[in-house]
Protein backbone atom coordinates (compact mmCIF):
# COMPACT_ATOMS: atom_id res chain seq x y z
CA MET A 1 -21.40 -14.72 4.06
CA LYS A 2 -21.10 -15.18 0.28
CA LYS A 3 -17.56 -15.57 -1.03
CA LEU A 4 -15.94 -17.43 -3.91
CA ILE A 5 -13.95 -19.81 -1.73
CA ASP A 6 -13.60 -23.56 -1.15
CA GLY A 7 -12.82 -23.24 2.54
CA VAL A 8 -11.62 -20.65 5.03
CA ASP A 9 -8.31 -22.41 5.69
CA SER A 10 -7.30 -22.65 2.03
CA VAL A 11 -8.13 -19.11 0.85
CA LEU A 12 -4.61 -17.70 0.88
CA SER A 13 -2.80 -20.74 -0.55
CA GLN A 14 -5.28 -21.10 -3.40
CA SER A 15 -5.22 -17.39 -4.14
CA LEU A 16 -1.41 -17.35 -4.27
CA THR A 17 -1.39 -20.41 -6.53
CA GLY A 18 -3.80 -18.69 -8.91
CA PHE A 19 -1.77 -15.48 -8.79
CA ALA A 20 1.41 -17.37 -9.70
CA ALA A 21 -0.30 -19.16 -12.58
CA ALA A 22 -1.84 -15.96 -13.96
CA HIS A 23 1.45 -14.04 -13.79
CA ARG A 24 4.04 -16.77 -14.32
CA ASP A 25 6.07 -14.42 -16.53
CA LEU A 26 6.57 -12.10 -13.56
CA VAL A 27 6.57 -14.04 -10.29
CA ARG A 28 7.31 -17.27 -8.47
CA VAL A 29 5.43 -18.28 -5.33
CA SER A 30 6.55 -20.32 -2.31
CA LEU A 31 3.78 -21.80 -0.18
CA ASP A 32 5.94 -23.02 2.72
CA PRO A 33 6.75 -20.46 3.93
CA LYS A 34 4.52 -18.18 1.89
CA TYR A 35 6.20 -15.49 -0.19
CA VAL A 36 6.22 -14.08 -3.73
CA VAL A 37 9.44 -13.22 -5.61
CA ARG A 38 10.35 -11.98 -9.06
CA ALA A 39 10.65 -14.67 -11.70
CA GLY A 40 14.10 -13.42 -12.67
CA GLY A 41 15.86 -14.51 -9.48
CA PRO A 42 17.98 -12.48 -7.02
CA ALA A 43 18.67 -8.79 -7.54
CA THR A 44 22.35 -9.32 -8.37
CA GLY A 45 24.39 -6.29 -7.37
CA LYS A 46 21.32 -4.22 -6.51
CA VAL A 47 19.34 -3.42 -3.37
CA ALA A 48 16.35 -5.75 -3.06
CA LEU A 49 13.01 -4.39 -1.82
CA VAL A 50 10.91 -6.66 0.39
CA SER A 51 7.47 -5.72 1.69
CA GLY A 52 4.41 -7.53 2.99
CA GLY A 53 1.50 -7.58 5.37
CA GLY A 54 -1.82 -9.24 5.88
CA SER A 55 -3.74 -10.44 2.83
CA GLY A 56 -7.05 -8.86 1.87
CA HIS A 57 -5.42 -5.66 0.54
CA GLU A 58 -4.72 -6.95 -2.97
CA PRO A 59 -2.99 -6.01 -5.17
CA LEU A 60 -0.84 -4.78 -2.27
CA HIS A 61 1.84 -6.19 -1.94
CA ALA A 62 2.30 -9.18 -4.24
CA GLY A 63 0.78 -7.30 -7.16
CA PHE A 64 3.73 -4.90 -7.04
CA VAL A 65 6.46 -7.53 -7.34
CA GLY A 66 8.33 -7.12 -10.60
CA PRO A 67 10.91 -5.01 -12.46
CA GLY A 68 10.90 -1.43 -11.26
CA MET A 69 9.20 -2.12 -7.95
CA LEU A 70 9.39 -4.87 -5.29
CA HIS A 71 11.62 -7.93 -5.40
CA ALA A 72 9.57 -9.91 -2.88
CA ALA A 73 6.35 -9.75 -0.87
CA CYS A 74 5.28 -11.72 2.20
CA PRO A 75 1.50 -12.27 2.51
CA GLY A 76 0.07 -13.12 5.92
CA GLU A 77 -3.37 -14.56 6.46
CA VAL A 78 -6.24 -12.11 5.93
CA PHE A 79 -5.55 -8.95 7.96
CA THR A 80 -2.81 -10.82 9.87
CA SER A 81 0.88 -10.02 9.86
CA PRO A 82 3.24 -12.39 8.05
CA THR A 83 5.74 -14.21 10.26
CA PRO A 84 9.47 -13.47 10.63
CA ASP A 85 10.41 -16.75 8.93
CA GLN A 86 8.42 -15.73 5.83
CA MET A 87 10.20 -12.39 5.73
CA LEU A 88 13.63 -13.90 6.25
CA ALA A 89 13.09 -16.58 3.59
CA ALA A 90 11.84 -14.01 1.08
CA ALA A 91 14.78 -11.69 1.78
CA GLU A 92 17.29 -14.50 1.40
CA ALA A 93 15.67 -15.58 -1.87
CA VAL A 94 16.16 -12.17 -3.49
CA ASP A 95 19.36 -10.97 -1.80
CA GLY A 96 21.79 -9.97 -4.54
CA GLY A 97 24.56 -8.80 -2.24
CA ALA A 98 23.79 -5.07 -2.08
CA GLY A 99 21.43 -5.30 0.88
CA ILE A 100 17.74 -5.66 1.68
CA LEU A 101 15.34 -2.77 2.20
CA PHE A 102 12.21 -3.75 4.12
CA ILE A 103 9.17 -1.54 3.50
CA VAL A 104 6.81 -1.93 6.44
CA LYS A 105 3.38 -0.42 7.14
CA ASN A 106 3.00 0.90 10.69
CA TYR A 107 1.01 -1.88 12.34
CA ALA A 108 2.28 -3.45 15.55
CA GLY A 109 2.49 -7.01 14.23
CA ASP A 110 4.16 -6.03 10.96
CA VAL A 111 6.69 -3.80 12.70
CA MET A 112 7.59 -6.41 15.34
CA ASN A 113 7.93 -9.28 12.88
CA PHE A 114 9.94 -7.34 10.33
CA GLU A 115 12.26 -6.20 13.14
CA MET A 116 12.80 -9.83 14.10
CA ALA A 117 13.53 -10.76 10.49
CA ALA A 118 16.02 -7.89 10.17
CA GLU A 119 17.81 -9.08 13.31
CA MET A 120 18.17 -12.55 11.78
CA MET A 121 19.57 -11.24 8.48
CA ALA A 122 23.20 -12.08 7.91
CA GLY A 123 23.78 -9.27 5.41
CA PRO A 124 23.07 -5.54 5.45
CA CYS A 125 19.46 -4.40 5.67
CA ALA A 126 17.42 -1.30 6.47
CA THR A 127 13.75 -0.47 7.00
CA VAL A 128 11.36 2.21 5.77
CA MET A 129 8.19 2.41 7.85
CA THR A 130 5.17 3.98 6.14
CA ASN A 131 2.70 5.96 8.25
CA ASP A 132 0.82 8.14 5.79
CA ASP A 133 -2.71 7.91 7.29
CA VAL A 134 -3.51 11.37 8.68
CA ALA A 135 -6.93 10.36 10.03
CA VAL A 136 -5.76 9.34 13.50
CA GLU A 137 -2.48 9.41 15.42
CA ASP A 138 -3.05 6.31 17.56
CA SER A 139 -5.48 3.55 16.73
CA THR A 140 -6.19 -0.15 16.76
CA TYR A 141 -2.96 -2.03 15.89
CA THR A 142 -0.74 1.08 15.85
CA GLN A 143 1.17 3.62 17.83
CA GLY A 144 1.15 6.71 15.67
CA ARG A 145 -0.24 6.93 12.16
CA ARG A 146 -1.22 3.86 10.16
CA GLY A 147 0.51 2.86 6.94
CA VAL A 148 -2.02 2.75 4.09
CA ALA A 149 -2.18 3.51 0.34
CA GLY A 150 0.83 5.83 0.41
CA THR A 151 2.88 2.65 0.75
CA VAL A 152 2.31 2.08 -2.98
CA VAL A 153 3.93 5.43 -3.75
CA VAL A 154 6.96 4.61 -1.60
CA GLU A 155 7.34 1.18 -3.21
CA LYS A 156 7.17 2.60 -6.76
CA ILE A 157 9.60 5.48 -6.26
CA VAL A 158 12.16 3.55 -4.21
CA GLY A 159 11.78 0.55 -6.50
CA ALA A 160 12.85 2.69 -9.45
CA ALA A 161 15.84 4.02 -7.50
CA ALA A 162 16.94 0.49 -6.59
CA GLU A 163 16.51 -0.60 -10.22
CA ALA A 164 18.79 2.26 -11.25
CA GLY A 165 21.49 1.06 -8.85
CA ALA A 166 21.05 3.32 -5.81
CA GLY A 167 22.72 2.04 -2.66
CA LEU A 168 20.98 0.84 0.48
CA ALA A 169 21.44 4.06 2.46
CA ASP A 170 20.20 6.17 -0.44
CA CYS A 171 17.16 3.94 -0.97
CA LYS A 172 16.24 4.17 2.70
CA ALA A 173 16.68 7.95 2.75
CA LEU A 174 14.51 8.30 -0.35
CA GLY A 175 11.81 6.05 1.12
CA ASP A 176 11.72 8.06 4.34
CA ARG A 177 11.53 11.28 2.35
CA VAL A 178 8.64 10.07 0.17
CA ASN A 179 6.77 8.82 3.23
CA ALA A 180 7.22 12.17 4.98
CA ALA A 181 5.86 13.95 1.89
CA THR A 182 2.75 11.74 1.74
CA GLY A 183 -0.63 11.93 3.44
CA SER A 184 -3.68 9.70 3.02
CA MET A 185 -7.20 9.47 4.37
CA GLY A 186 -10.01 7.00 3.74
CA VAL A 187 -13.78 6.78 3.98
CA ALA A 188 -15.96 3.66 4.20
CA LEU A 189 -19.53 3.34 2.98
CA SER A 190 -19.75 -0.31 4.05
CA SER A 191 -17.77 -2.87 6.00
CA CYS A 192 -15.92 -5.92 4.72
CA THR A 193 -16.17 -9.53 5.85
CA VAL A 194 -13.06 -11.47 6.86
CA PRO A 195 -13.61 -15.09 5.74
CA ALA A 196 -12.57 -16.54 9.10
CA ALA A 197 -15.02 -14.25 10.93
CA GLY A 198 -17.95 -14.88 8.61
CA GLN A 199 -19.66 -11.59 9.43
CA PRO A 200 -19.01 -7.90 8.74
CA THR A 201 -16.25 -6.26 10.78
CA PHE A 202 -18.60 -3.37 11.60
CA THR A 203 -22.00 -2.15 10.51
CA LEU A 204 -23.10 1.12 8.96
CA ALA A 205 -26.64 2.26 8.40
CA ASP A 206 -27.66 3.09 4.84
CA ASN A 207 -27.26 6.79 5.60
CA GLU A 208 -23.91 6.55 7.46
CA MET A 209 -20.23 6.53 6.56
CA GLU A 210 -16.99 6.10 8.55
CA MET A 211 -14.70 9.06 7.93
CA GLY A 212 -11.02 8.19 8.33
CA VAL A 213 -11.52 4.41 8.33
CA GLY A 214 -8.47 2.12 8.45
CA ILE A 215 -7.73 -0.57 5.87
CA HIS A 216 -8.67 -3.33 8.33
CA GLY A 217 -11.95 -1.64 9.23
CA GLU A 218 -10.46 0.19 12.22
CA PRO A 219 -12.49 3.18 13.43
CA GLY A 220 -11.76 6.51 11.84
CA ARG A 221 -12.26 10.04 13.09
CA ARG A 222 -16.02 9.71 13.45
CA ARG A 223 -19.15 8.10 12.07
CA VAL A 224 -21.23 10.67 10.24
CA PRO A 225 -24.23 10.97 7.91
CA LEU A 226 -23.53 10.15 4.27
CA ALA A 227 -22.37 13.27 2.43
CA THR A 228 -21.84 14.25 -1.19
CA ALA A 229 -18.68 13.20 -2.99
CA ASP A 230 -17.61 16.85 -3.15
CA ALA A 231 -17.96 17.29 0.61
CA ILE A 232 -16.13 14.01 1.31
CA ALA A 233 -13.25 14.98 -0.99
CA ALA A 234 -13.05 18.45 0.54
CA GLU A 235 -12.71 17.06 4.06
CA MET A 236 -10.12 14.45 3.09
CA VAL A 237 -7.98 16.81 1.00
CA GLY A 238 -8.21 19.40 3.79
CA ALA A 239 -7.10 16.92 6.45
CA ILE A 240 -4.19 15.74 4.30
CA CYS A 241 -3.03 19.29 3.58
CA ASP A 242 -3.36 20.31 7.21
CA ALA A 243 -1.12 17.40 8.21
CA THR A 244 1.50 17.56 5.44
CA ALA A 245 1.51 21.34 4.82
CA PRO A 246 2.10 21.54 1.05
CA ARG A 247 2.74 25.03 -0.29
CA ARG A 248 0.97 26.78 -3.13
CA GLY A 249 2.72 25.86 -6.36
CA ASP A 250 3.94 22.47 -5.09
CA ALA A 251 3.84 19.64 -7.61
CA VAL A 252 1.91 16.66 -6.24
CA LEU A 253 0.82 13.15 -7.07
CA LEU A 254 -2.93 12.73 -6.55
CA PHE A 255 -3.88 9.10 -5.93
CA VAL A 256 -7.51 8.03 -5.49
CA ASN A 257 -7.57 4.45 -4.25
CA GLY A 258 -10.54 2.10 -4.15
CA MET A 259 -11.18 0.01 -1.05
CA GLY A 260 -12.31 -2.98 -3.12
CA GLY A 261 -16.06 -2.52 -3.58
CA THR A 262 -16.36 0.86 -5.29
CA PRO A 263 -16.97 1.17 -9.06
CA LEU A 264 -14.32 2.94 -11.11
CA MET A 265 -16.99 5.44 -12.20
CA GLU A 266 -17.25 6.64 -8.60
CA LEU A 267 -13.46 6.65 -8.12
CA TYR A 268 -13.01 8.92 -11.13
CA LEU A 269 -15.82 11.12 -9.83
CA MET A 270 -13.93 11.36 -6.53
CA TYR A 271 -10.73 12.16 -8.42
CA GLU A 272 -12.46 15.07 -10.16
CA ALA A 273 -13.61 16.46 -6.82
CA ALA A 274 -10.25 15.93 -5.13
CA ALA A 275 -8.41 17.55 -8.05
CA ARG A 276 -10.60 20.66 -7.77
CA HIS A 277 -9.91 20.95 -4.06
CA CYS A 278 -6.18 20.51 -4.62
CA ALA A 279 -6.30 23.24 -7.29
CA ASP A 280 -8.18 25.53 -4.90
CA ARG A 281 -5.18 25.20 -2.55
CA GLY A 282 -2.76 26.09 -5.32
CA LEU A 283 -1.36 22.57 -5.75
CA VAL A 284 -0.18 21.49 -9.19
CA ILE A 285 -1.20 17.91 -10.01
CA ALA A 286 1.87 16.58 -11.79
CA ARG A 287 0.93 12.88 -11.73
CA SER A 288 -2.23 10.87 -11.09
CA LEU A 289 -3.23 7.34 -10.13
CA VAL A 290 -6.79 5.98 -9.82
CA GLY A 291 -7.88 2.44 -9.03
CA ASN A 292 -7.90 -0.41 -6.54
CA HIS A 293 -4.34 -0.66 -5.25
CA CYS A 294 -4.61 -0.94 -1.45
CA THR A 295 -7.97 -2.52 -0.71
CA SER A 296 -9.91 -3.86 2.25
CA LEU A 297 -11.52 -6.97 0.77
CA GLU A 298 -14.94 -5.85 -0.55
CA MET A 299 -15.30 -2.64 1.48
CA ALA A 300 -17.11 0.16 -0.35
CA GLY A 301 -15.28 3.45 -0.09
CA CYS A 302 -12.01 5.03 -1.12
CA SER A 303 -8.93 6.81 0.09
CA ILE A 304 -7.17 9.90 -1.19
CA THR A 305 -3.38 10.22 -1.12
CA VAL A 306 -1.39 13.36 -1.87
CA THR A 307 2.42 13.25 -2.21
CA ARG A 308 4.60 16.33 -2.68
CA MET A 309 6.87 15.48 -5.61
CA ASP A 310 10.28 16.89 -6.49
CA ASP A 311 12.05 16.35 -9.81
CA GLY A 312 13.83 13.22 -8.60
CA MET A 313 10.62 11.64 -7.32
CA LEU A 314 8.85 12.45 -10.58
CA ALA A 315 11.62 10.79 -12.59
CA HIS A 316 11.44 7.67 -10.43
CA TRP A 317 7.63 7.61 -10.67
CA ASP A 318 7.85 7.79 -14.46
CA ALA A 319 10.54 5.08 -14.68
CA PRO A 320 9.46 1.78 -16.28
CA VAL A 321 7.57 -0.67 -14.09
CA ARG A 322 6.29 -4.13 -14.94
CA THR A 323 4.17 -5.79 -12.27
CA ALA A 324 0.79 -7.45 -12.15
CA ALA A 325 -0.87 -4.27 -10.89
CA LEU A 326 1.25 -1.40 -12.28
CA ARG A 327 2.77 -1.37 -15.74
CA TRP A 328 4.11 1.47 -17.85
CA GLY A 329 7.19 2.44 -19.85
CA VAL A 330 7.85 -1.16 -20.98
């Protein structure tokens, strides 16, 4: 195992310390318990968005803390759920009196621990659970679909609504609606190596790929021979459309997400292929996003996300955002 680390036990703390130093204009970091909050303090009079999950998916979620998006993020150890005390402390640190909205990916540990944190909250709170992965219905760590890159879309759109002053119930309803309009699917060309494990999570031959892989290396739909980018995009776009049933003429966001080890050249190549297959189905690509936003350490591969967008969602997507990983309109 070759990694730029000093020791397995200090990876997360050192990474968070570096993140805080690099983005001190945007965030503050607590190391005990571990959480990241906006530098500006509590969201006075506005709903505060809190998300989190295991580390190793950077920039998710800490990279999306900032004006127009999240107020706080709780990072667990690599591929391990954060604890309820982290979530509670983060929520209390950003609570501005209008309530807390937890955004939770559908993994058993995340769901259980965020539920415990919500039960301990003194003030009003609500939860949006993301489950956009159409590859499998039940899998390692989950009952039902997994929450993957579509979580970024939910966080951006609901973050803009909260910034504009929407109430807690409205923010939750919008988050649920965006999640329901979103489908994602991933493919892996190689595994990743969790530092504590010291060896790859799984192995693929040089001529194999894992279609429908999860962001922790969970099995997908099947292991198959390596195919062309066009064929991979066609299968993923087809699976997403079969699951979410967009209609011809629908405006969509097309999001091609890197898993951590794929060059941008290949991600844009995949975007070109995915865009053609969306167009063949009569979908109108209204907005686009390409890059590493929900990764799996150094895994080679990508995911495709398609979200049906209405006028309100488009306006919230376009609204200013200023985070370490997303920044426009400011």
